[in-house]
Amino acid sequence: MMTLGQKARVRLRFAIGLACIAVCLVLAWYGFGITLQDYVRAEKDVRSLDMPRWLVVMWIPLAFLMMAIEFARFLWRRENFLAPMAEIA
């Protein structure tokens, strides 16, 4: 990506950000469906504690939603979220 021109780099970074937002929202939506299904069915997760399964999986859609918001914030503020990767190369 560093061999691209400045305009192409900005466009590619924007496209990558949109793709990341889309993937995070799809995973959040799917995770929300699983969480709701576990809640409605009163599924139990039996390991060391007997607890409702939705309490375990509810963090998955929440985390992906927060990641989508973070990527959207990067795009809104025009921040370079790929900058740490440029330091590695």
PDB file of N, CA and C in Angstrom:
ATOM      1  N   MET A   1       0.820  -1.182   0.000  1.00  0.00           N
ATOM      2  CA  MET A   1       0.000   0.000   0.000  1.00  0.00           C
ATOM      3  C   MET A   1       0.872   1.256   0.000  1.00  0.00           C
ATOM      4  N   MET A   2       2.054   1.153   0.562  1.00  0.00           N
ATOM      5  CA  MET A   2       2.910   2.330   0.650  1.00  0.00           C
ATOM      6  C   MET A   2       3.477   2.724  -0.714  1.00  0.00           C
ATOM      7  N   THR A   3       3.415   1.835  -1.695  1.00  0.00           N
ATOM      8  CA  THR A   3       3.920   2.170  -3.024  1.00  0.00           C
ATOM      9  C   THR A   3       2.891   2.932  -3.852  1.00  0.00           C
ATOM     10  N   LEU A   4       1.662   3.007  -3.381  1.00  0.00           N
ATOM     11  CA  LEU A   4       0.610   3.741  -4.083  1.00  0.00           C
ATOM     12  C   LEU A   4       0.786   5.245  -3.883  1.00  0.00           C
ATOM     13  N   GLY A   5       0.188   6.012  -4.761  1.00  0.00           N
ATOM     14  CA  GLY A   5       0.180   7.458  -4.609  1.00  0.00           C
ATOM     15  C   GLY A   5      -0.712   7.871  -3.441  1.00  0.00           C
ATOM     16  N   GLN A   6      -0.639   9.130  -3.064  1.00  0.00           N
ATOM     17  CA  GLN A   6      -1.387   9.624  -1.905  1.00  0.00           C
ATOM     18  C   GLN A   6      -2.901   9.480  -2.087  1.00  0.00           C
ATOM     19  N   LYS A   7      -3.430   9.857  -3.255  1.00  0.00           N
ATOM     20  CA  LYS A   7      -4.879   9.754  -3.487  1.00  0.00           C
ATOM     21  C   LYS A   7      -5.342   8.303  -3.482  1.00  0.00           C
ATOM     22  N   ALA A   8      -4.572   7.439  -4.132  1.00  0.00           N
ATOM     23  CA  ALA A   8      -4.940   6.023  -4.169  1.00  0.00           C
ATOM     24  C   ALA A   8      -4.880   5.414  -2.773  1.00  0.00           C
ATOM     25  N   ARG A   9      -3.907   5.828  -1.982  1.00  0.00           N
ATOM     26  CA  ARG A   9      -3.781   5.336  -0.614  1.00  0.00           C
ATOM     27  C   ARG A   9      -4.985   5.747   0.227  1.00  0.00           C
ATOM     28  N   VAL A  10      -5.421   6.990   0.074  1.00  0.00           N
ATOM     29  CA  VAL A  10      -6.584   7.476   0.831  1.00  0.00           C
ATOM     30  C   VAL A  10      -7.839   6.721   0.412  1.00  0.00           C
ATOM     31  N   ARG A  11      -8.014   6.518  -0.877  1.00  0.00           N
ATOM     32  CA  ARG A  11      -9.193   5.783  -1.367  1.00  0.00           C
ATOM     33  C   ARG A  11      -9.181   4.330  -0.899  1.00  0.00           C
ATOM     34  N   LEU A  12      -8.017   3.692  -0.946  1.00  0.00           N
ATOM     35  CA  LEU A  12      -7.914   2.303  -0.497  1.00  0.00           C
ATOM     36  C   LEU A  12      -8.168   2.200   1.002  1.00  0.00           C
ATOM     37  N   ARG A  13      -7.618   3.128   1.768  1.00  0.00           N
ATOM     38  CA  ARG A  13      -7.851   3.133   3.214  1.00  0.00           C
ATOM     39  C   ARG A  13      -9.336   3.327   3.515  1.00  0.00           C
ATOM     40  N   PHE A  14     -10.021   4.190   2.759  1.00  0.00           N
ATOM     41  CA  PHE A  14     -11.455   4.391   2.941  1.00  0.00           C
ATOM     42  C   PHE A  14     -12.222   3.114   2.609  1.00  0.00           C
ATOM     43  N   ALA A  15     -11.846   2.446   1.515  1.00  0.00           N
ATOM     44  CA  ALA A  15     -12.505   1.190   1.132  1.00  0.00           C
ATOM     45  C   ALA A  15     -12.281   0.106   2.182  1.00  0.00           C
ATOM     46  N   ILE A  16     -11.073   0.035   2.719  1.00  0.00           N
ATOM     47  CA  ILE A  16     -10.780  -0.947   3.770  1.00  0.00           C
ATOM     48  C   ILE A  16     -11.613  -0.632   5.007  1.00  0.00           C
ATOM     49  N   GLY A  17     -11.725   0.647   5.354  1.00  0.00           N
ATOM     50  CA  GLY A  17     -12.544   1.034   6.501  1.00  0.00           C
ATOM     51  C   GLY A  17     -14.006   0.659   6.318  1.00  0.00           C
ATOM     52  N   LEU A  18     -14.543   0.902   5.123  1.00  0.00           N
ATOM     53  CA  LEU A  18     -15.932   0.518   4.848  1.00  0.00           C
ATOM     54  C   LEU A  18     -16.118  -0.994   4.926  1.00  0.00           C
ATOM     55  N   ALA A  19     -15.150  -1.739   4.401  1.00  0.00           N
ATOM     56  CA  ALA A  19     -15.226  -3.202   4.469  1.00  0.00           C
ATOM     57  C   ALA A  19     -15.189  -3.674   5.921  1.00  0.00           C
ATOM     58  N   CYS A  20     -14.350  -3.055   6.738  1.00  0.00           N
ATOM     59  CA  CYS A  20     -14.267  -3.429   8.154  1.00  0.00           C
ATOM     60  C   CYS A  20     -15.575  -3.132   8.875  1.00  0.00           C
ATOM     61  N   ILE A  21     -16.172  -1.983   8.572  1.00  0.00           N
ATOM     62  CA  ILE A  21     -17.459  -1.635   9.174  1.00  0.00           C
ATOM     63  C   ILE A  21     -18.525  -2.652   8.765  1.00  0.00           C
ATOM     64  N   ALA A  22     -18.552  -3.008   7.487  1.00  0.00           N
ATOM     65  CA  ALA A  22     -19.550  -3.966   6.998  1.00  0.00           C
ATOM     66  C   ALA A  22     -19.390  -5.324   7.671  1.00  0.00           C
ATOM     67  N   VAL A  23     -18.162  -5.810   7.764  1.00  0.00           N
ATOM     68  CA  VAL A  23     -17.922  -7.110   8.395  1.00  0.00           C
ATOM     69  C   VAL A  23     -18.318  -7.068   9.872  1.00  0.00           C
ATOM     70  N   CYS A  24     -17.929  -6.011  10.577  1.00  0.00           N
ATOM     71  CA  CYS A  24     -18.273  -5.901  11.990  1.00  0.00           C
ATOM     72  C   CYS A  24     -19.779  -5.838  12.208  1.00  0.00           C
ATOM     73  N   LEU A  25     -20.484  -5.102  11.348  1.00  0.00           N
ATOM     74  CA  LEU A  25     -21.938  -5.009  11.498  1.00  0.00           C
ATOM     75  C   LEU A  25     -22.629  -6.332  11.192  1.00  0.00           C
ATOM     76  N   VAL A  26     -22.134  -7.053  10.196  1.00  0.00           N
ATOM     77  CA  VAL A  26     -22.719  -8.373   9.902  1.00  0.00           C
ATOM     78  C   VAL A  26     -22.504  -9.321  11.079  1.00  0.00           C
ATOM     79  N   LEU A  27     -21.301  -9.337  11.639  1.00  0.00           N
ATOM     80  CA  LEU A  27     -21.030 -10.214  12.779  1.00  0.00           C
ATOM     81  C   LEU A  27     -21.817  -9.778  14.017  1.00  0.00           C
ATOM     82  N   ALA A  28     -21.988  -8.471  14.208  1.00  0.00           N
ATOM     83  CA  ALA A  28     -22.797  -7.990  15.334  1.00  0.00           C
ATOM     84  C   ALA A  28     -24.254  -8.403  15.156  1.00  0.00           C
ATOM     85  N   TRP A  29     -24.774  -8.268  13.935  1.00  0.00           N
ATOM     86  CA  TRP A  29     -26.158  -8.654  13.661  1.00  0.00           C
ATOM     87  C   TRP A  29     -26.355 -10.161  13.896  1.00  0.00           C
ATOM     88  N   TYR A  30     -25.435 -10.962  13.388  1.00  0.00           N
ATOM     89  CA  TYR A  30     -25.523 -12.410  13.580  1.00  0.00           C
ATOM     90  C   TYR A  30     -25.418 -12.751  15.071  1.00  0.00           C
ATOM     91  N   GLY A  31     -24.488 -12.118  15.758  1.00  0.00           N
ATOM     92  CA  GLY A  31     -24.320 -12.368  17.192  1.00  0.00           C
ATOM     93  C   GLY A  31     -25.533 -11.952  17.989  1.00  0.00           C
ATOM     94  N   PHE A  32     -26.163 -10.840  17.588  1.00  0.00           N
ATOM     95  CA  PHE A  32     -27.384 -10.412  18.258  1.00  0.00           C
ATOM     96  C   PHE A  32     -28.490 -11.449  18.062  1.00  0.00           C
ATOM     97  N   GLY A  33     -28.575 -12.011  16.863  1.00  0.00           N
ATOM     98  CA  GLY A  33     -29.578 -13.052  16.602  1.00  0.00           C
ATOM     99  C   GLY A  33     -29.356 -14.284  17.471  1.00  0.00           C
ATOM    100  N   ILE A  34     -28.112 -14.687  17.597  1.00  0.00           N
ATOM    101  CA  ILE A  34     -27.791 -15.846  18.447  1.00  0.00           C
ATOM    102  C   ILE A  34     -28.113 -15.534  19.907  1.00  0.00           C
ATOM    103  N   THR A  35     -27.750 -14.344  20.361  1.00  0.00           N
ATOM    104  CA  THR A  35     -28.021 -13.953  21.748  1.00  0.00           C
ATOM    105  C   THR A  35     -29.523 -13.935  22.022  1.00  0.00           C
ATOM    106  N   LEU A  36     -30.295 -13.354  21.104  1.00  0.00           N
ATOM    107  CA  LEU A  36     -31.746 -13.306  21.268  1.00  0.00           C
ATOM    108  C   LEU A  36     -32.344 -14.713  21.259  1.00  0.00           C
ATOM    109  N   GLN A  37     -31.842 -15.548  20.370  1.00  0.00           N
ATOM    110  CA  GLN A  37     -32.323 -16.931  20.300  1.00  0.00           C
ATOM    111  C   GLN A  37     -32.023 -17.671  21.605  1.00  0.00           C
ATOM    112  N   ASP A  38     -30.832 -17.500  22.143  1.00  0.00           N
ATOM    113  CA  ASP A  38     -30.489 -18.145  23.413  1.00  0.00           C
ATOM    114  C   ASP A  38     -31.358 -17.619  24.551  1.00  0.00           C
ATOM    115  N   TYR A  39     -31.686 -16.335  24.522  1.00  0.00           N
ATOM    116  CA  TYR A  39     -32.532 -15.750  25.562  1.00  0.00           C
ATOM    117  C   TYR A  39     -33.951 -16.301  25.489  1.00  0.00           C
ATOM    118  N   VAL A  40     -34.501 -16.345  24.272  1.00  0.00           N
ATOM    119  CA  VAL A  40     -35.875 -16.826  24.094  1.00  0.00           C
ATOM    120  C   VAL A  40     -35.987 -18.301  24.460  1.00  0.00           C
ATOM    121  N   ARG A  41     -35.011 -19.083  24.074  1.00  0.00           N
ATOM    122  CA  ARG A  41     -35.035 -20.529  24.362  1.00  0.00           C
ATOM    123  C   ARG A  41     -34.556 -20.863  25.777  1.00  0.00           C
ATOM    124  N   ALA A  42     -34.092 -19.871  26.509  1.00  0.00           N
ATOM    125  CA  ALA A  42     -33.568 -20.067  27.869  1.00  0.00           C
ATOM    126  C   ALA A  42     -32.471 -21.123  27.896  1.00  0.00           C
ATOM    127  N   GLU A  43     -31.554 -21.023  26.923  1.00  0.00           N
ATOM    128  CA  GLU A  43     -30.421 -21.953  26.856  1.00  0.00           C
ATOM    129  C   GLU A  43     -29.526 -21.763  28.074  1.00  0.00           C
ATOM    130  N   LYS A  44     -28.952 -22.852  28.535  1.00  0.00           N
ATOM    131  CA  LYS A  44     -28.036 -22.817  29.675  1.00  0.00           C
ATOM    132  C   LYS A  44     -26.639 -23.189  29.221  1.00  0.00           C
ATOM    133  N   ASP A  45     -25.663 -22.541  29.812  1.00  0.00           N
ATOM    134  CA  ASP A  45     -24.260 -22.872  29.574  1.00  0.00           C
ATOM    135  C   ASP A  45     -23.737 -23.505  30.852  1.00  0.00           C
ATOM    136  N   VAL A  46     -23.478 -24.794  30.780  1.00  0.00           N
ATOM    137  CA  VAL A  46     -23.073 -25.519  31.975  1.00  0.00           C
ATOM    138  C   VAL A  46     -21.582 -25.841  31.860  1.00  0.00           C
ATOM    139  N   ARG A  47     -20.808 -25.108  32.594  1.00  0.00           N
ATOM    140  CA  ARG A  47     -19.371 -25.371  32.708  1.00  0.00           C
ATOM    141  C   ARG A  47     -19.084 -25.428  34.195  1.00  0.00           C
ATOM    142  N   SER A  48     -18.431 -24.450  34.724  1.00  0.00           N
ATOM    143  CA  SER A  48     -18.216 -24.436  36.168  1.00  0.00           C
ATOM    144  C   SER A  48     -19.393 -23.769  36.881  1.00  0.00           C
ATOM    145  N   LEU A  49     -20.103 -22.898  36.152  1.00  0.00           N
ATOM    146  CA  LEU A  49     -21.294 -22.246  36.691  1.00  0.00           C
ATOM    147  C   LEU A  49     -22.478 -22.528  35.779  1.00  0.00           C
ATOM    148  N   ASP A  50     -23.637 -22.699  36.376  1.00  0.00           N
ATOM    149  CA  ASP A  50     -24.861 -22.871  35.605  1.00  0.00           C
ATOM    150  C   ASP A  50     -25.471 -21.487  35.407  1.00  0.00           C
ATOM    151  N   MET A  51     -25.352 -20.972  34.177  1.00  0.00           N
ATOM    152  CA  MET A  51     -25.842 -19.623  33.912  1.00  0.00           C
ATOM    153  C   MET A  51     -26.481 -19.566  32.546  1.00  0.00           C
ATOM    154  N   PRO A  52     -27.340 -18.564  32.299  1.00  0.00           N
ATOM    155  CA  PRO A  52     -27.945 -18.427  30.975  1.00  0.00           C
ATOM    156  C   PRO A  52     -26.872 -18.187  29.910  1.00  0.00           C
ATOM    157  N   ARG A  53     -27.013 -18.885  28.802  1.00  0.00           N
ATOM    158  CA  ARG A  53     -26.014 -18.791  27.732  1.00  0.00           C
ATOM    159  C   ARG A  53     -25.967 -17.404  27.118  1.00  0.00           C
ATOM    160  N   TRP A  54     -27.102 -16.699  27.089  1.00  0.00           N
ATOM    161  CA  TRP A  54     -27.115 -15.379  26.478  1.00  0.00           C
ATOM    162  C   TRP A  54     -26.222 -14.408  27.236  1.00  0.00           C
ATOM    163  N   LEU A  55     -26.019 -14.640  28.542  1.00  0.00           N
ATOM    164  CA  LEU A  55     -25.107 -13.792  29.299  1.00  0.00           C
ATOM    165  C   LEU A  55     -23.659 -13.971  28.848  1.00  0.00           C
ATOM    166  N   VAL A  56     -23.359 -15.145  28.325  1.00  0.00           N
ATOM    167  CA  VAL A  56     -22.000 -15.423  27.853  1.00  0.00           C
ATOM    168  C   VAL A  56     -21.795 -14.826  26.462  1.00  0.00           C
ATOM    169  N   VAL A  57     -22.781 -15.000  25.563  1.00  0.00           N
ATOM    170  CA  VAL A  57     -22.593 -14.599  24.167  1.00  0.00           C
ATOM    171  C   VAL A  57     -23.020 -13.159  23.874  1.00  0.00           C
ATOM    172  N   MET A  58     -23.644 -12.484  24.837  1.00  0.00           N
ATOM    173  CA  MET A  58     -24.105 -11.122  24.554  1.00  0.00           C
ATOM    174  C   MET A  58     -22.952 -10.147  24.318  1.00  0.00           C
ATOM    175  N   TRP A  59     -21.764 -10.492  24.752  1.00  0.00           N
ATOM    176  CA  TRP A  59     -20.606  -9.609  24.578  1.00  0.00           C
ATOM    177  C   TRP A  59     -20.097  -9.609  23.148  1.00  0.00           C
ATOM    178  N   ILE A  60     -20.407 -10.660  22.397  1.00  0.00           N
ATOM    179  CA  ILE A  60     -19.932 -10.750  21.015  1.00  0.00           C
ATOM    180  C   ILE A  60     -20.566  -9.670  20.138  1.00  0.00           C
ATOM    181  N   PRO A  61     -21.892  -9.548  20.072  1.00  0.00           N
ATOM    182  CA  PRO A  61     -22.441  -8.474  19.234  1.00  0.00           C
ATOM    183  C   PRO A  61     -22.079  -7.082  19.746  1.00  0.00           C
ATOM    184  N   LEU A  62     -21.997  -6.929  21.059  1.00  0.00           N
ATOM    185  CA  LEU A  62     -21.629  -5.635  21.618  1.00  0.00           C
ATOM    186  C   LEU A  62     -20.216  -5.235  21.186  1.00  0.00           C
ATOM    187  N   ALA A  63     -19.290  -6.186  21.235  1.00  0.00           N
ATOM    188  CA  ALA A  63     -17.905  -5.899  20.849  1.00  0.00           C
ATOM    189  C   ALA A  63     -17.793  -5.565  19.365  1.00  0.00           C
ATOM    190  N   PHE A  64     -18.477  -6.315  18.510  1.00  0.00           N
ATOM    191  CA  PHE A  64     -18.409  -6.029  17.079  1.00  0.00           C
ATOM    192  C   PHE A  64     -19.097  -4.711  16.729  1.00  0.00           C
ATOM    193  N   LEU A  65     -20.166  -4.377  17.430  1.00  0.00           N
ATOM    194  CA  LEU A  65     -20.808  -3.086  17.217  1.00  0.00           C
ATOM    195  C   LEU A  65     -19.857  -1.950  17.606  1.00  0.00           C
ATOM    196  N   MET A  66     -19.166  -2.118  18.712  1.00  0.00           N
ATOM    197  CA  MET A  66     -18.206  -1.094  19.141  1.00  0.00           C
ATOM    198  C   MET A  66     -17.040  -0.972  18.160  1.00  0.00           C
ATOM    199  N   MET A  67     -16.607  -2.098  17.585  1.00  0.00           N
ATOM    200  CA  MET A  67     -15.538  -2.033  16.578  1.00  0.00           C
ATOM    201  C   MET A  67     -16.022  -1.306  15.330  1.00  0.00           C
ATOM    202  N   ALA A  68     -17.262  -1.553  14.917  1.00  0.00           N
ATOM    203  CA  ALA A  68     -17.812  -0.852  13.754  1.00  0.00           C
ATOM    204  C   ALA A  68     -17.875   0.650  14.017  1.00  0.00           C
ATOM    205  N   ILE A  69     -18.276   1.023  15.219  1.00  0.00           N
ATOM    206  CA  ILE A  69     -18.316   2.437  15.586  1.00  0.00           C
ATOM    207  C   ILE A  69     -16.916   3.034  15.562  1.00  0.00           C
ATOM    208  N   GLU A  70     -15.944   2.286  16.024  1.00  0.00           N
ATOM    209  CA  GLU A  70     -14.558   2.773  16.023  1.00  0.00           C
ATOM    210  C   GLU A  70     -14.048   2.983  14.595  1.00  0.00           C
ATOM    211  N   PHE A  71     -14.309   2.043  13.707  1.00  0.00           N
ATOM    212  CA  PHE A  71     -13.901   2.223  12.304  1.00  0.00           C
ATOM    213  C   PHE A  71     -14.628   3.406  11.675  1.00  0.00           C
ATOM    214  N   ALA A  72     -15.913   3.571  11.990  1.00  0.00           N
ATOM    215  CA  ALA A  72     -16.660   4.712  11.462  1.00  0.00           C
ATOM    216  C   ALA A  72     -16.078   6.025  11.994  1.00  0.00           C
ATOM    217  N   ARG A  73     -15.647   6.027  13.248  1.00  0.00           N
ATOM    218  CA  ARG A  73     -15.019   7.219  13.822  1.00  0.00           C
ATOM    219  C   ARG A  73     -13.709   7.540  13.105  1.00  0.00           C
ATOM    220  N   PHE A  74     -12.930   6.494  12.799  1.00  0.00           N
ATOM    221  CA  PHE A  74     -11.694   6.705  12.041  1.00  0.00           C
ATOM    222  C   PHE A  74     -11.984   7.349  10.691  1.00  0.00           C
ATOM    223  N   LEU A  75     -13.005   6.841   9.996  1.00  0.00           N
ATOM    224  CA  LEU A  75     -13.335   7.386   8.687  1.00  0.00           C
ATOM    225  C   LEU A  75     -13.890   8.803   8.797  1.00  0.00           C
ATOM    226  N   TRP A  76     -14.727   9.043   9.787  1.00  0.00           N
ATOM    227  CA  TRP A  76     -15.330  10.361   9.959  1.00  0.00           C
ATOM    228  C   TRP A  76     -14.265  11.422  10.219  1.00  0.00           C
ATOM    229  N   ARG A  77     -13.284  11.065  11.060  1.00  0.00           N
ATOM    230  CA  ARG A  77     -12.238  12.023  11.415  1.00  0.00           C
ATOM    231  C   ARG A  77     -11.049  11.987  10.458  1.00  0.00           C
ATOM    232  N   ARG A  78     -11.158  11.134   9.438  1.00  0.00           N
ATOM    233  CA  ARG A  78     -10.114  10.975   8.434  1.00  0.00           C
ATOM    234  C   ARG A  78      -8.759  10.603   9.058  1.00  0.00           C
ATOM    235  N   GLU A  79      -8.805   9.747  10.066  1.00  0.00           N
ATOM    236  CA  GLU A  79      -7.590   9.279  10.723  1.00  0.00           C
ATOM    237  C   GLU A  79      -7.036   8.081   9.962  1.00  0.00           C
ATOM    238  N   ASN A  80      -5.748   7.910  10.039  1.00  0.00           N
ATOM    239  CA  ASN A  80      -5.093   6.785   9.378  1.00  0.00           C
ATOM    240  C   ASN A  80      -5.002   5.620  10.360  1.00  0.00           C
ATOM    241  N   PHE A  81      -5.970   4.715  10.294  1.00  0.00           N
ATOM    242  CA  PHE A  81      -5.983   3.581  11.205  1.00  0.00           C
ATOM    243  C   PHE A  81      -4.990   2.494  10.784  1.00  0.00           C
ATOM    244  N   LEU A  82      -4.374   2.637   9.624  1.00  0.00           N
ATOM    245  CA  LEU A  82      -3.368   1.685   9.168  1.00  0.00           C
ATOM    246  C   LEU A  82      -1.949   2.153   9.449  1.00  0.00           C
ATOM    247  N   ALA A  83      -1.788   3.288  10.110  1.00  0.00           N
ATOM    248  CA  ALA A  83      -0.455   3.837  10.378  1.00  0.00           C
ATOM    249  C   ALA A  83       0.445   2.873  11.156  1.00  0.00           C
ATOM    250  N   PRO A  84      -0.060   2.173  12.186  1.00  0.00           N
ATOM    251  CA  PRO A  84       0.828   1.245  12.889  1.00  0.00           C
ATOM    252  C   PRO A  84       1.378   0.139  11.973  1.00  0.00           C
ATOM    253  N   MET A  85       0.643  -0.243  10.935  1.00  0.00           N
ATOM    254  CA  MET A  85       1.131  -1.264  10.017  1.00  0.00           C
ATOM    255  C   MET A  85       2.268  -0.726   9.156  1.00  0.00           C
ATOM    256  N   ALA A  86       2.274   0.562   8.864  1.00  0.00           N
ATOM    257  CA  ALA A  86       3.323   1.164   8.053  1.00  0.00           C
ATOM    258  C   ALA A  86       4.661   1.151   8.804  1.00  0.00           C
ATOM    259  N   GLU A  87       4.587   1.195  10.125  1.00  0.00           N
ATOM    260  CA  GLU A  87       5.800   1.170  10.933  1.00  0.00           C
ATOM    261  C   GLU A  87       6.464  -0.208  10.907  1.00  0.00           C
ATOM    262  N   ILE A  88       5.649  -1.264  10.723  1.00  0.00           N
ATOM    263  CA  ILE A  88       6.170  -2.631  10.697  1.00  0.00           C
ATOM    264  C   ILE A  88       6.926  -2.878   9.398  1.00  0.00           C
ATOM    265  N   ALA A  89       6.406  -2.395   8.278  1.00  0.00           N
ATOM    266  CA  ALA A  89       6.985  -2.671   6.964  1.00  0.00           C
ATOM    267  C   ALA A  89       8.257  -1.947   6.713  1.00  0.00           C
TER     268      ALA A  89
END
